[in-house]
Structures are given as C-alpha cells and as structure tokens.
Amino acid sequence: MAEDMSFTDFGSKKKVRKIKRKRSRGSSTNPSKLLDEVIKAKKLADKSISSLPVDQFSFPFIEFSVHQPEPFKHNNWNGLEISLSNTGNGEAKNITISFDRFETKGQTIVDNLKSGEESKLNIEALISSRDKEITRMDVYYHSIEGDTFSAIRRDWFPNSYEDQVIFPKEIPPGEESNAEKYSRKEVFSGDLHIVCGSCGTRAPSNFRICGKCGSRLQKRADRRSDWGSNLNETTAKRDDREAFIKKLRKLGELKDKGMLSDAEFEAAKESLLK
C-alpha cells in the first residue's frame, strides 16, 4: 500500500511520521473510459466474426420458360407467355428481358422477385422478315448487392411451333454441331476484387491501400519486398463472394447451353447454395 511521508523539525533531528492513506470505498469508474472499452471490445468481436468463414451466400437465380401458343407469323403481333421463378436464396432486382430481332409490346421488366416467388408476363412480339433466322433472347438481373447475372437463349423465327415451349437453351435446335460458335466470351479474367482483412471492404485487385480503414492491402510490385513499406503486414484476402458468383454463373451457362439435365442442374445448384 502506498504511504505518504511527513517531516517535522525538532532541532537537529528529524522525526518521520507515517500517515496511512485511506482507501476509497466508493467506485471511481470513469464512464467515458468504460464506453471506450466497450467500443473496443465490440470492434474486436466484429473483426473476429468477419474473419470466420461464410457459411452461406445469398444470391438470386432466375429460371424462365417461354410458351408460344400459335405458329409465329411475320408482320403480325404474336402472343408469348414468359414464366419467371426465382429459385435462388436471395432477391432478384431489375429483371430485364430483351430480344435482338423482335419488336415487343407489354411488360418486359420486373422490379424485384424474392426467393421462391414466380411471375408471368404476357407480351406480343413482331418480326417483319419472312426468312427463318436465329433470334436471341437475353435475361438480365441483379442481386441486392449489385451483382449482375444473365441468361442467353436462342431459337428460330418465324416458326411453325404450336403450343410449345420456345427458347429452350442457348444453342438453337439443329445447331448442336456448331456449339463452339455460341460459346460465351469472358469479358473479364482473373480476380476482380480483394477484401480487406481488417474492415471487410471490397476493393479492386490493384488497390494497395484500403480506402475505408487505411490498411495496407498488398505489397508494391515495383519495390523490394524487404524495403520500406513492403515490410508492413498486408491484409488483403481473396473475395470468396466473387469466386462463388463465378461458379453460379458457370452453372447457369451450362444450363442455358443444355449441357446439364434438369435433375443435374437442380442437384448442383442446391449443393452450391447450401
């Protein structure tokens, strides 16, 4: 226990008197300091949680079919029914349907479709050519986080189909031997984003500093690894969400091409979205 010292002058001699300091029975906790400790503990907990592996991602997955009730006639408005269903585990936003050779009347945009929801669109399509040519159908949609997904289907028009599902897959009927001709070209390659290990912010793969917390994401390529700032610990890690999106898009592409049966596709998608 700490003690105070008191000196009294008695001529040539000094006497020392020890004074015991009384303990304070009341609490002297500083509310401001306590709040700082709580905030610090919360940040530590958030960091620990964010570093754990993600058990489940949330993504939409739009499946659709197009029904043609009568033979398609040129220079006439032909009725088509489009059925949409979201079989993913996340909400789909701004679902847009377009055709490269059709003029259309009716609703071709759905604002949102929650997981498990379905929607039917009745539209009319007009084509002026008499020649039977391949027509392309595109379906675009987004996740709540802004990820973009697309599906491509092709079929022949005008045609004599009656009470039949059209645009069944990406490769049009009779073109199976030319499947390579309809292969999708990857616009982007490599990892597009990295994730800051300190705050969880996504950043382009060429960023070296996190714009949110200032952590050093990766070392400079033009600097020796044992010099200057390159000695600092880096926090960048792979964007697992983006890797998951690529797998989901590839699965959709295989379905559009007709390379997966319905059963195989459902099994693969269910396994991916677990």
C-alpha atoms as a PDB file:
ATOM      1  CA  MET A   1       0.000   0.000   0.000  1.00  0.00           C
ATOM      2  CA  ALA A   2       1.337   3.390  -0.906  1.00  0.00           C
ATOM      3  CA  GLU A   3       2.196   5.725   2.023  1.00  0.00           C
ATOM      4  CA  ASP A   4       2.694   9.498   2.397  1.00  0.00           C
ATOM      5  CA  MET A   5       5.699  10.825   4.308  1.00  0.00           C
ATOM      6  CA  SER A   6       5.500  13.781   6.767  1.00  0.00           C
ATOM      7  CA  PHE A   7       8.543  15.579   8.208  1.00  0.00           C
ATOM      8  CA  THR A   8       8.598  17.593  11.490  1.00  0.00           C
ATOM      9  CA  ASP A   9      11.599  19.714  12.509  1.00  0.00           C
ATOM     10  CA  PHE A  10      12.718  19.041  16.151  1.00  0.00           C
ATOM     11  CA  GLY A  11      16.048  20.829  16.249  1.00  0.00           C
ATOM     12  CA  SER A  12      18.853  18.824  14.751  1.00  0.00           C
ATOM     13  CA  LYS A  13      16.857  15.631  14.483  1.00  0.00           C
ATOM     14  CA  LYS A  14      14.072  14.874  12.071  1.00  0.00           C
ATOM     15  CA  LYS A  15      11.282  12.634  13.080  1.00  0.00           C
ATOM     16  CA  VAL A  16       9.370  10.807  10.467  1.00  0.00           C
ATOM     17  CA  ARG A  17       5.670  10.251  10.916  1.00  0.00           C
ATOM     18  CA  LYS A  18       3.943   7.743   8.681  1.00  0.00           C
ATOM     19  CA  ILE A  19       0.431   8.599   7.522  1.00  0.00           C
ATOM     20  CA  LYS A  20      -1.679   5.834   6.097  1.00  0.00           C
ATOM     21  CA  ARG A  21      -3.819   6.736   3.077  1.00  0.00           C
ATOM     22  CA  LYS A  22      -7.399   5.723   3.460  1.00  0.00           C
ATOM     23  CA  ARG A  23      -8.957   3.543   0.785  1.00  0.00           C
ATOM     24  CA  SER A  24     -11.941   4.942  -1.039  1.00  0.00           C
ATOM     25  CA  ARG A  25     -14.887   2.615  -0.643  1.00  0.00           C
ATOM     26  CA  GLY A  26     -16.872   4.202  -3.498  1.00  0.00           C
ATOM     27  CA  SER A  27     -16.354   3.259  -7.184  1.00  0.00           C
ATOM     28  CA  SER A  28     -14.298   5.740  -9.187  1.00  0.00           C
ATOM     29  CA  THR A  29     -15.007   4.229 -12.661  1.00  0.00           C
ATOM     30  CA  ASN A  30     -14.752   6.773 -15.456  1.00  0.00           C
ATOM     31  CA  PRO A  31     -17.897   6.451 -17.662  1.00  0.00           C
ATOM     32  CA  SER A  32     -16.003   7.760 -20.683  1.00  0.00           C
ATOM     33  CA  LYS A  33     -13.228   5.222 -20.223  1.00  0.00           C
ATOM     34  CA  LEU A  34     -15.758   2.416 -19.763  1.00  0.00           C
ATOM     35  CA  LEU A  35     -17.505   3.391 -23.012  1.00  0.00           C
ATOM     36  CA  ASP A  36     -14.172   3.318 -24.860  1.00  0.00           C
ATOM     37  CA  GLU A  37     -13.527  -0.190 -23.553  1.00  0.00           C
ATOM     38  CA  VAL A  38     -16.994  -1.368 -24.670  1.00  0.00           C
ATOM     39  CA  ILE A  39     -16.471   0.087 -28.169  1.00  0.00           C
ATOM     40  CA  LYS A  40     -13.026  -1.505 -28.368  1.00  0.00           C
ATOM     41  CA  ALA A  41     -14.473  -4.897 -27.339  1.00  0.00           C
ATOM     42  CA  LYS A  42     -17.253  -4.581 -29.965  1.00  0.00           C
ATOM     43  CA  LYS A  43     -14.729  -3.815 -32.710  1.00  0.00           C
ATOM     44  CA  LEU A  44     -12.675  -6.832 -31.673  1.00  0.00           C
ATOM     45  CA  ALA A  45     -15.786  -9.040 -31.745  1.00  0.00           C
ATOM     46  CA  ASP A  46     -16.830  -7.705 -35.185  1.00  0.00           C
ATOM     47  CA  LYS A  47     -13.344  -8.380 -36.520  1.00  0.00           C
ATOM     48  CA  SER A  48     -13.414 -11.929 -35.157  1.00  0.00           C
ATOM     49  CA  ILE A  49     -16.841 -12.583 -36.687  1.00  0.00           C
ATOM     50  CA  SER A  50     -15.823 -11.157 -40.077  1.00  0.00           C
ATOM     51  CA  SER A  51     -12.752 -13.401 -40.136  1.00  0.00           C
ATOM     52  CA  LEU A  52     -14.881 -16.538 -39.791  1.00  0.00           C
ATOM     53  CA  PRO A  53     -15.699 -18.497 -42.969  1.00  0.00           C
ATOM     54  CA  VAL A  54     -19.037 -17.544 -44.526  1.00  0.00           C
ATOM     55  CA  ASP A  55     -21.444 -20.469 -44.233  1.00  0.00           C
ATOM     56  CA  GLN A  56     -23.922 -19.218 -46.796  1.00  0.00           C
ATOM     57  CA  PHE A  57     -24.059 -16.634 -49.545  1.00  0.00           C
ATOM     58  CA  SER A  58     -27.340 -15.099 -50.621  1.00  0.00           C
ATOM     59  CA  PHE A  59     -27.915 -14.941 -54.380  1.00  0.00           C
ATOM     60  CA  PRO A  60     -30.908 -14.874 -56.740  1.00  0.00           C
ATOM     61  CA  PHE A  61     -31.212 -17.390 -59.553  1.00  0.00           C
ATOM     62  CA  ILE A  62     -33.839 -16.739 -62.218  1.00  0.00           C
ATOM     63  CA  GLU A  63     -35.229 -19.664 -64.183  1.00  0.00           C
ATOM     64  CA  PHE A  64     -37.658 -18.981 -67.013  1.00  0.00           C
ATOM     65  CA  SER A  65     -39.608 -20.532 -69.854  1.00  0.00           C
ATOM     66  CA  VAL A  66     -41.373 -19.033 -72.876  1.00  0.00           C
ATOM     67  CA  HIS A  67     -44.588 -20.510 -74.253  1.00  0.00           C
ATOM     68  CA  GLN A  68     -45.752 -19.971 -77.842  1.00  0.00           C
ATOM     69  CA  PRO A  69     -49.466 -20.872 -78.281  1.00  0.00           C
ATOM     70  CA  GLU A  70     -49.708 -20.493 -82.088  1.00  0.00           C
ATOM     71  CA  PRO A  71     -47.390 -20.608 -85.134  1.00  0.00           C
ATOM     72  CA  PHE A  72     -45.351 -17.427 -85.421  1.00  0.00           C
ATOM     73  CA  LYS A  73     -46.346 -15.158 -88.305  1.00  0.00           C
ATOM     74  CA  HIS A  74     -44.278 -12.349 -89.776  1.00  0.00           C
ATOM     75  CA  ASN A  75     -45.717  -8.819 -89.784  1.00  0.00           C
ATOM     76  CA  ASN A  76     -48.214  -9.866 -87.081  1.00  0.00           C
ATOM     77  CA  TRP A  77     -48.217  -9.366 -83.339  1.00  0.00           C
ATOM     78  CA  ASN A  78     -47.735 -12.824 -81.846  1.00  0.00           C
ATOM     79  CA  GLY A  79     -48.619 -13.579 -78.219  1.00  0.00           C
ATOM     80  CA  LEU A  80     -45.974 -15.099 -75.922  1.00  0.00           C
ATOM     81  CA  GLU A  81     -46.156 -16.045 -72.241  1.00  0.00           C
ATOM     82  CA  ILE A  82     -42.979 -15.790 -70.160  1.00  0.00           C
ATOM     83  CA  SER A  83     -42.817 -17.553 -66.781  1.00  0.00           C
ATOM     84  CA  LEU A  84     -40.165 -16.400 -64.314  1.00  0.00           C
ATOM     85  CA  SER A  85     -39.234 -18.009 -60.998  1.00  0.00           C
ATOM     86  CA  ASN A  86     -36.509 -17.145 -58.502  1.00  0.00           C
ATOM     87  CA  THR A  87     -35.089 -20.455 -57.279  1.00  0.00           C
ATOM     88  CA  GLY A  88     -32.090 -18.854 -55.578  1.00  0.00           C
ATOM     89  CA  ASN A  89     -31.837 -17.835 -51.919  1.00  0.00           C
ATOM     90  CA  GLY A  90     -31.678 -14.062 -52.472  1.00  0.00           C
ATOM     91  CA  GLU A  91     -33.870 -11.351 -54.006  1.00  0.00           C
ATOM     92  CA  ALA A  92     -33.547 -10.540 -57.730  1.00  0.00           C
ATOM     93  CA  LYS A  93     -33.716  -6.885 -58.775  1.00  0.00           C
ATOM     94  CA  ASN A  94     -34.415  -5.202 -62.148  1.00  0.00           C
ATOM     95  CA  ILE A  95     -35.119  -8.333 -64.200  1.00  0.00           C
ATOM     96  CA  THR A  96     -34.965  -7.241 -67.857  1.00  0.00           C
ATOM     97  CA  ILE A  97     -35.933  -9.287 -70.926  1.00  0.00           C
ATOM     98  CA  SER A  98     -34.851  -8.312 -74.449  1.00  0.00           C
ATOM     99  CA  PHE A  99     -34.762  -9.810 -77.965  1.00  0.00           C
ATOM    100  CA  ASP A 100     -32.421  -8.935 -80.820  1.00  0.00           C
ATOM    101  CA  ARG A 101     -34.935  -9.321 -83.724  1.00  0.00           C
ATOM    102  CA  PHE A 102     -38.302  -8.699 -82.089  1.00  0.00           C
ATOM    103  CA  GLU A 103     -40.305  -5.605 -81.526  1.00  0.00           C
ATOM    104  CA  THR A 104     -42.261  -6.122 -78.331  1.00  0.00           C
ATOM    105  CA  LYS A 105     -45.380  -4.793 -76.625  1.00  0.00           C
ATOM    106  CA  GLY A 106     -46.111  -5.399 -72.967  1.00  0.00           C
ATOM    107  CA  GLN A 107     -44.128  -5.770 -69.756  1.00  0.00           C
ATOM    108  CA  THR A 108     -40.522  -6.880 -70.175  1.00  0.00           C
ATOM    109  CA  ILE A 109     -39.136  -5.585 -66.837  1.00  0.00           C
ATOM    110  CA  VAL A 110     -39.818  -6.898 -63.312  1.00  0.00           C
ATOM    111  CA  ASP A 111     -38.626  -4.644 -60.489  1.00  0.00           C
ATOM    112  CA  ASN A 112     -37.951  -7.422 -57.986  1.00  0.00           C
ATOM    113  CA  LEU A 113     -38.625 -11.081 -57.384  1.00  0.00           C
ATOM    114  CA  LYS A 114     -37.976 -12.528 -53.937  1.00  0.00           C
ATOM    115  CA  SER A 115     -36.652 -16.011 -53.310  1.00  0.00           C
ATOM    116  CA  GLY A 116     -39.349 -18.574 -54.126  1.00  0.00           C
ATOM    117  CA  GLU A 117     -41.564 -16.074 -55.975  1.00  0.00           C
ATOM    118  CA  GLU A 118     -42.901 -16.500 -59.523  1.00  0.00           C
ATOM    119  CA  SER A 119     -44.176 -14.089 -62.158  1.00  0.00           C
ATOM    120  CA  LYS A 120     -45.925 -14.453 -65.524  1.00  0.00           C
ATOM    121  CA  LEU A 121     -45.571 -11.886 -68.308  1.00  0.00           C
ATOM    122  CA  ASN A 122     -47.788 -11.794 -71.380  1.00  0.00           C
ATOM    123  CA  ILE A 123     -46.182  -9.917 -74.260  1.00  0.00           C
ATOM    124  CA  GLU A 124     -46.629  -9.559 -78.002  1.00  0.00           C
ATOM    125  CA  ALA A 125     -43.759  -9.858 -80.456  1.00  0.00           C
ATOM    126  CA  LEU A 126     -43.449  -8.653 -84.042  1.00  0.00           C
ATOM    127  CA  ILE A 127     -40.913  -9.708 -86.677  1.00  0.00           C
ATOM    128  CA  SER A 128     -41.054  -8.414 -90.244  1.00  0.00           C
ATOM    129  CA  SER A 129     -38.782 -10.920 -92.008  1.00  0.00           C
ATOM    130  CA  ARG A 130     -40.152 -13.993 -93.770  1.00  0.00           C
ATOM    131  CA  ASP A 131     -36.766 -15.730 -93.591  1.00  0.00           C
ATOM    132  CA  LYS A 132     -36.284 -18.172 -90.755  1.00  0.00           C
ATOM    133  CA  GLU A 133     -33.364 -16.874 -88.712  1.00  0.00           C
ATOM    134  CA  ILE A 134     -31.910 -17.372 -85.271  1.00  0.00           C
ATOM    135  CA  THR A 135     -33.258 -14.935 -82.679  1.00  0.00           C
ATOM    136  CA  ARG A 136     -31.545 -14.268 -79.373  1.00  0.00           C
ATOM    137  CA  MET A 137     -33.274 -13.717 -76.021  1.00  0.00           C
ATOM    138  CA  ASP A 138     -31.415 -12.110 -73.088  1.00  0.00           C
ATOM    139  CA  VAL A 139     -32.470 -12.043 -69.445  1.00  0.00           C
ATOM    140  CA  TYR A 140     -30.518  -9.759 -67.094  1.00  0.00           C
ATOM    141  CA  TYR A 141     -31.000  -9.326 -63.364  1.00  0.00           C
ATOM    142  CA  HIS A 142     -29.127  -8.130 -60.283  1.00  0.00           C
ATOM    143  CA  SER A 143     -28.697  -9.098 -56.657  1.00  0.00           C
ATOM    144  CA  ILE A 144     -29.385  -6.591 -53.885  1.00  0.00           C
ATOM    145  CA  GLU A 145     -25.604  -6.101 -53.589  1.00  0.00           C
ATOM    146  CA  GLY A 146     -25.422  -5.147 -57.285  1.00  0.00           C
ATOM    147  CA  ASP A 147     -24.021  -8.369 -58.773  1.00  0.00           C
ATOM    148  CA  THR A 148     -25.127  -8.862 -62.398  1.00  0.00           C
ATOM    149  CA  PHE A 149     -26.387 -12.146 -63.845  1.00  0.00           C
ATOM    150  CA  SER A 150     -27.510 -13.020 -67.337  1.00  0.00           C
ATOM    151  CA  ALA A 151     -29.034 -15.862 -69.315  1.00  0.00           C
ATOM    152  CA  ILE A 152     -28.966 -16.295 -73.096  1.00  0.00           C
ATOM    153  CA  ARG A 153     -31.368 -18.397 -75.174  1.00  0.00           C
ATOM    154  CA  ARG A 154     -31.765 -18.766 -78.947  1.00  0.00           C
ATOM    155  CA  ASP A 155     -34.445 -20.128 -81.295  1.00  0.00           C
ATOM    156  CA  TRP A 156     -35.649 -19.896 -84.912  1.00  0.00           C
ATOM    157  CA  PHE A 157     -38.222 -17.305 -86.078  1.00  0.00           C
ATOM    158  CA  PRO A 158     -40.648 -17.228 -87.819  1.00  0.00           C
ATOM    159  CA  ASN A 159     -41.524 -20.841 -86.975  1.00  0.00           C
ATOM    160  CA  SER A 160     -44.431 -23.267 -87.037  1.00  0.00           C
ATOM    161  CA  TYR A 161     -44.329 -24.185 -83.324  1.00  0.00           C
ATOM    162  CA  GLU A 162     -47.755 -24.576 -81.747  1.00  0.00           C
ATOM    163  CA  ASP A 163     -48.491 -24.835 -78.015  1.00  0.00           C
ATOM    164  CA  GLN A 164     -44.787 -25.344 -77.396  1.00  0.00           C
ATOM    165  CA  VAL A 165     -42.013 -24.086 -75.113  1.00  0.00           C
ATOM    166  CA  ILE A 166     -39.572 -21.980 -77.142  1.00  0.00           C
ATOM    167  CA  PHE A 167     -36.074 -20.685 -76.383  1.00  0.00           C
ATOM    168  CA  PRO A 168     -35.273 -23.949 -74.538  1.00  0.00           C
ATOM    169  CA  LYS A 169     -31.498 -23.402 -74.460  1.00  0.00           C
ATOM    170  CA  GLU A 170     -28.641 -21.224 -75.665  1.00  0.00           C
ATOM    171  CA  ILE A 171     -27.768 -23.390 -78.663  1.00  0.00           C
ATOM    172  CA  PRO A 172     -30.692 -23.237 -81.128  1.00  0.00           C
ATOM    173  CA  PRO A 173     -32.273 -26.504 -82.335  1.00  0.00           C
ATOM    174  CA  GLY A 174     -30.251 -28.156 -85.102  1.00  0.00           C
ATOM    175  CA  GLU A 175     -27.062 -26.222 -84.260  1.00  0.00           C
ATOM    176  CA  GLU A 176     -25.620 -28.684 -81.755  1.00  0.00           C
ATOM    177  CA  SER A 177     -22.680 -29.487 -84.051  1.00  0.00           C
ATOM    178  CA  ASN A 178     -21.804 -25.764 -84.062  1.00  0.00           C
ATOM    179  CA  ALA A 179     -21.892 -25.403 -80.286  1.00  0.00           C
ATOM    180  CA  GLU A 180     -18.464 -23.723 -80.234  1.00  0.00           C
ATOM    181  CA  LYS A 181     -19.901 -20.918 -82.345  1.00  0.00           C
ATOM    182  CA  TYR A 182     -22.210 -19.970 -79.469  1.00  0.00           C
ATOM    183  CA  SER A 183     -19.589 -20.080 -76.710  1.00  0.00           C
ATOM    184  CA  ARG A 184     -19.615 -17.066 -74.430  1.00  0.00           C
ATOM    185  CA  LYS A 185     -16.518 -14.940 -74.395  1.00  0.00           C
ATOM    186  CA  GLU A 186     -15.280 -13.928 -70.940  1.00  0.00           C
ATOM    187  CA  VAL A 187     -15.007 -10.174 -70.827  1.00  0.00           C
ATOM    188  CA  PHE A 188     -13.061 -10.164 -67.541  1.00  0.00           C
ATOM    189  CA  SER A 189     -10.464 -12.594 -66.355  1.00  0.00           C
ATOM    190  CA  GLY A 190      -8.677 -13.096 -63.076  1.00  0.00           C
ATOM    191  CA  ASP A 191      -9.764 -11.820 -59.692  1.00  0.00           C
ATOM    192  CA  LEU A 192     -11.639  -8.538 -59.984  1.00  0.00           C
ATOM    193  CA  HIS A 193     -11.692  -7.716 -56.274  1.00  0.00           C
ATOM    194  CA  ILE A 194      -9.933  -8.341 -52.989  1.00  0.00           C
ATOM    195  CA  VAL A 195     -11.234  -7.963 -49.443  1.00  0.00           C
ATOM    196  CA  CYS A 196      -9.614  -6.005 -46.611  1.00  0.00           C
ATOM    197  CA  GLY A 197      -8.962  -8.360 -43.708  1.00  0.00           C
ATOM    198  CA  SER A 198      -9.295  -5.512 -41.200  1.00  0.00           C
ATOM    199  CA  CYS A 199     -12.665  -3.956 -42.094  1.00  0.00           C
ATOM    200  CA  GLY A 200     -14.134  -6.281 -44.765  1.00  0.00           C
ATOM    201  CA  THR A 201     -14.318  -3.644 -47.522  1.00  0.00           C
ATOM    202  CA  ARG A 202     -14.166  -4.921 -51.130  1.00  0.00           C
ATOM    203  CA  ALA A 203     -11.629  -3.204 -53.370  1.00  0.00           C
ATOM    204  CA  PRO A 204     -10.316  -3.654 -56.951  1.00  0.00           C
ATOM    205  CA  SER A 205      -7.475  -6.161 -57.153  1.00  0.00           C
ATOM    206  CA  ASN A 206      -4.899  -3.454 -57.988  1.00  0.00           C
ATOM    207  CA  PHE A 207      -5.566  -1.412 -54.811  1.00  0.00           C
ATOM    208  CA  ARG A 208      -2.724  -1.376 -52.290  1.00  0.00           C
ATOM    209  CA  ILE A 209      -4.396   0.692 -49.551  1.00  0.00           C
ATOM    210  CA  CYS A 210      -7.902   0.196 -48.142  1.00  0.00           C
ATOM    211  CA  GLY A 211      -9.944   3.335 -48.773  1.00  0.00           C
ATOM    212  CA  LYS A 212     -12.019   2.808 -45.633  1.00  0.00           C
ATOM    213  CA  CYS A 213      -9.588   1.929 -42.843  1.00  0.00           C
ATOM    214  CA  GLY A 214      -6.212   2.698 -44.453  1.00  0.00           C
ATOM    215  CA  SER A 215      -4.810  -0.823 -44.002  1.00  0.00           C
ATOM    216  CA  ARG A 216      -2.125  -1.972 -46.428  1.00  0.00           C
ATOM    217  CA  LEU A 217      -3.820  -4.492 -48.695  1.00  0.00           C
ATOM    218  CA  GLN A 218      -0.807  -5.736 -50.632  1.00  0.00           C
ATOM    219  CA  LYS A 219       2.859  -5.049 -51.305  1.00  0.00           C
ATOM    220  CA  ARG A 220       4.147  -2.853 -54.088  1.00  0.00           C
ATOM    221  CA  ALA A 221       5.307  -4.813 -57.112  1.00  0.00           C
ATOM    222  CA  ASP A 222       7.937  -2.204 -58.003  1.00  0.00           C
ATOM    223  CA  ARG A 223       9.639  -2.329 -54.601  1.00  0.00           C
ATOM    224  CA  ARG A 224      11.938  -4.864 -52.989  1.00  0.00           C
ATOM    225  CA  SER A 225       9.957  -6.964 -50.540  1.00  0.00           C
ATOM    226  CA  ASP A 226      12.451  -6.273 -47.737  1.00  0.00           C
ATOM    227  CA  TRP A 227      12.461  -2.471 -48.027  1.00  0.00           C
ATOM    228  CA  GLY A 228      10.290   0.317 -46.628  1.00  0.00           C
ATOM    229  CA  SER A 229       6.524  -0.081 -46.559  1.00  0.00           C
ATOM    230  CA  ASN A 230       6.741  -3.577 -48.050  1.00  0.00           C
ATOM    231  CA  LEU A 231       7.777  -4.784 -44.612  1.00  0.00           C
ATOM    232  CA  ASN A 232       4.320  -3.872 -43.297  1.00  0.00           C
ATOM    233  CA  GLU A 233       1.843  -6.684 -42.817  1.00  0.00           C
ATOM    234  CA  THR A 234      -0.745  -6.900 -45.596  1.00  0.00           C
ATOM    235  CA  THR A 235      -4.443  -7.610 -45.023  1.00  0.00           C
ATOM    236  CA  ALA A 236      -5.822  -8.446 -48.481  1.00  0.00           C
ATOM    237  CA  LYS A 237      -7.550 -11.773 -48.990  1.00  0.00           C
ATOM    238  CA  ARG A 238      -9.475 -13.398 -51.819  1.00  0.00           C
ATOM    239  CA  ASP A 239     -13.039 -12.263 -52.407  1.00  0.00           C
ATOM    240  CA  ASP A 240     -14.850 -15.548 -51.736  1.00  0.00           C
ATOM    241  CA  ARG A 241     -18.164 -13.964 -52.704  1.00  0.00           C
ATOM    242  CA  GLU A 242     -16.844 -13.178 -56.168  1.00  0.00           C
ATOM    243  CA  ALA A 243     -15.474 -16.705 -56.570  1.00  0.00           C
ATOM    244  CA  PHE A 244     -18.918 -18.014 -55.607  1.00  0.00           C
ATOM    245  CA  ILE A 245     -20.604 -15.765 -58.192  1.00  0.00           C
ATOM    246  CA  LYS A 246     -18.337 -17.139 -60.925  1.00  0.00           C
ATOM    247  CA  LYS A 247     -19.346 -20.697 -60.009  1.00  0.00           C
ATOM    248  CA  LEU A 248     -23.035 -19.758 -60.035  1.00  0.00           C
ATOM    249  CA  ARG A 249     -22.729 -18.018 -63.413  1.00  0.00           C
ATOM    250  CA  LYS A 250     -20.905 -21.015 -64.873  1.00  0.00           C
ATOM    251  CA  LEU A 251     -23.656 -23.302 -63.625  1.00  0.00           C
ATOM    252  CA  GLY A 252     -26.280 -21.098 -65.311  1.00  0.00           C
ATOM    253  CA  GLU A 253     -24.266 -21.064 -68.513  1.00  0.00           C
ATOM    254  CA  LEU A 254     -24.135 -24.885 -68.604  1.00  0.00           C
ATOM    255  CA  LYS A 255     -27.919 -24.983 -68.093  1.00  0.00           C
ATOM    256  CA  ASP A 256     -28.510 -22.430 -70.883  1.00  0.00           C
ATOM    257  CA  LYS A 257     -26.364 -24.491 -73.251  1.00  0.00           C
ATOM    258  CA  GLY A 258     -28.359 -27.621 -72.454  1.00  0.00           C
ATOM    259  CA  MET A 259     -25.282 -29.413 -71.104  1.00  0.00           C
ATOM    260  CA  LEU A 260     -26.985 -30.162 -67.763  1.00  0.00           C
ATOM    261  CA  SER A 261     -30.244 -32.033 -67.373  1.00  0.00           C
ATOM    262  CA  ASP A 262     -32.869 -30.507 -65.086  1.00  0.00           C
ATOM    263  CA  ALA A 263     -32.048 -33.045 -62.365  1.00  0.00           C
ATOM    264  CA  GLU A 264     -28.287 -32.466 -62.639  1.00  0.00           C
ATOM    265  CA  PHE A 265     -28.755 -28.712 -62.622  1.00  0.00           C
ATOM    266  CA  GLU A 266     -31.032 -28.724 -59.565  1.00  0.00           C
ATOM    267  CA  ALA A 267     -28.642 -31.006 -57.651  1.00  0.00           C
ATOM    268  CA  ALA A 268     -25.621 -28.827 -58.486  1.00  0.00           C
ATOM    269  CA  LYS A 269     -27.414 -25.585 -57.647  1.00  0.00           C
ATOM    270  CA  GLU A 270     -28.768 -26.914 -54.374  1.00  0.00           C
ATOM    271  CA  SER A 271     -25.291 -28.064 -53.371  1.00  0.00           C
ATOM    272  CA  LEU A 272     -23.833 -24.654 -54.264  1.00  0.00           C
ATOM    273  CA  LEU A 273     -26.457 -22.617 -52.412  1.00  0.00           C
ATOM    274  CA  LYS A 274     -26.410 -24.693 -49.206  1.00  0.00           C
END
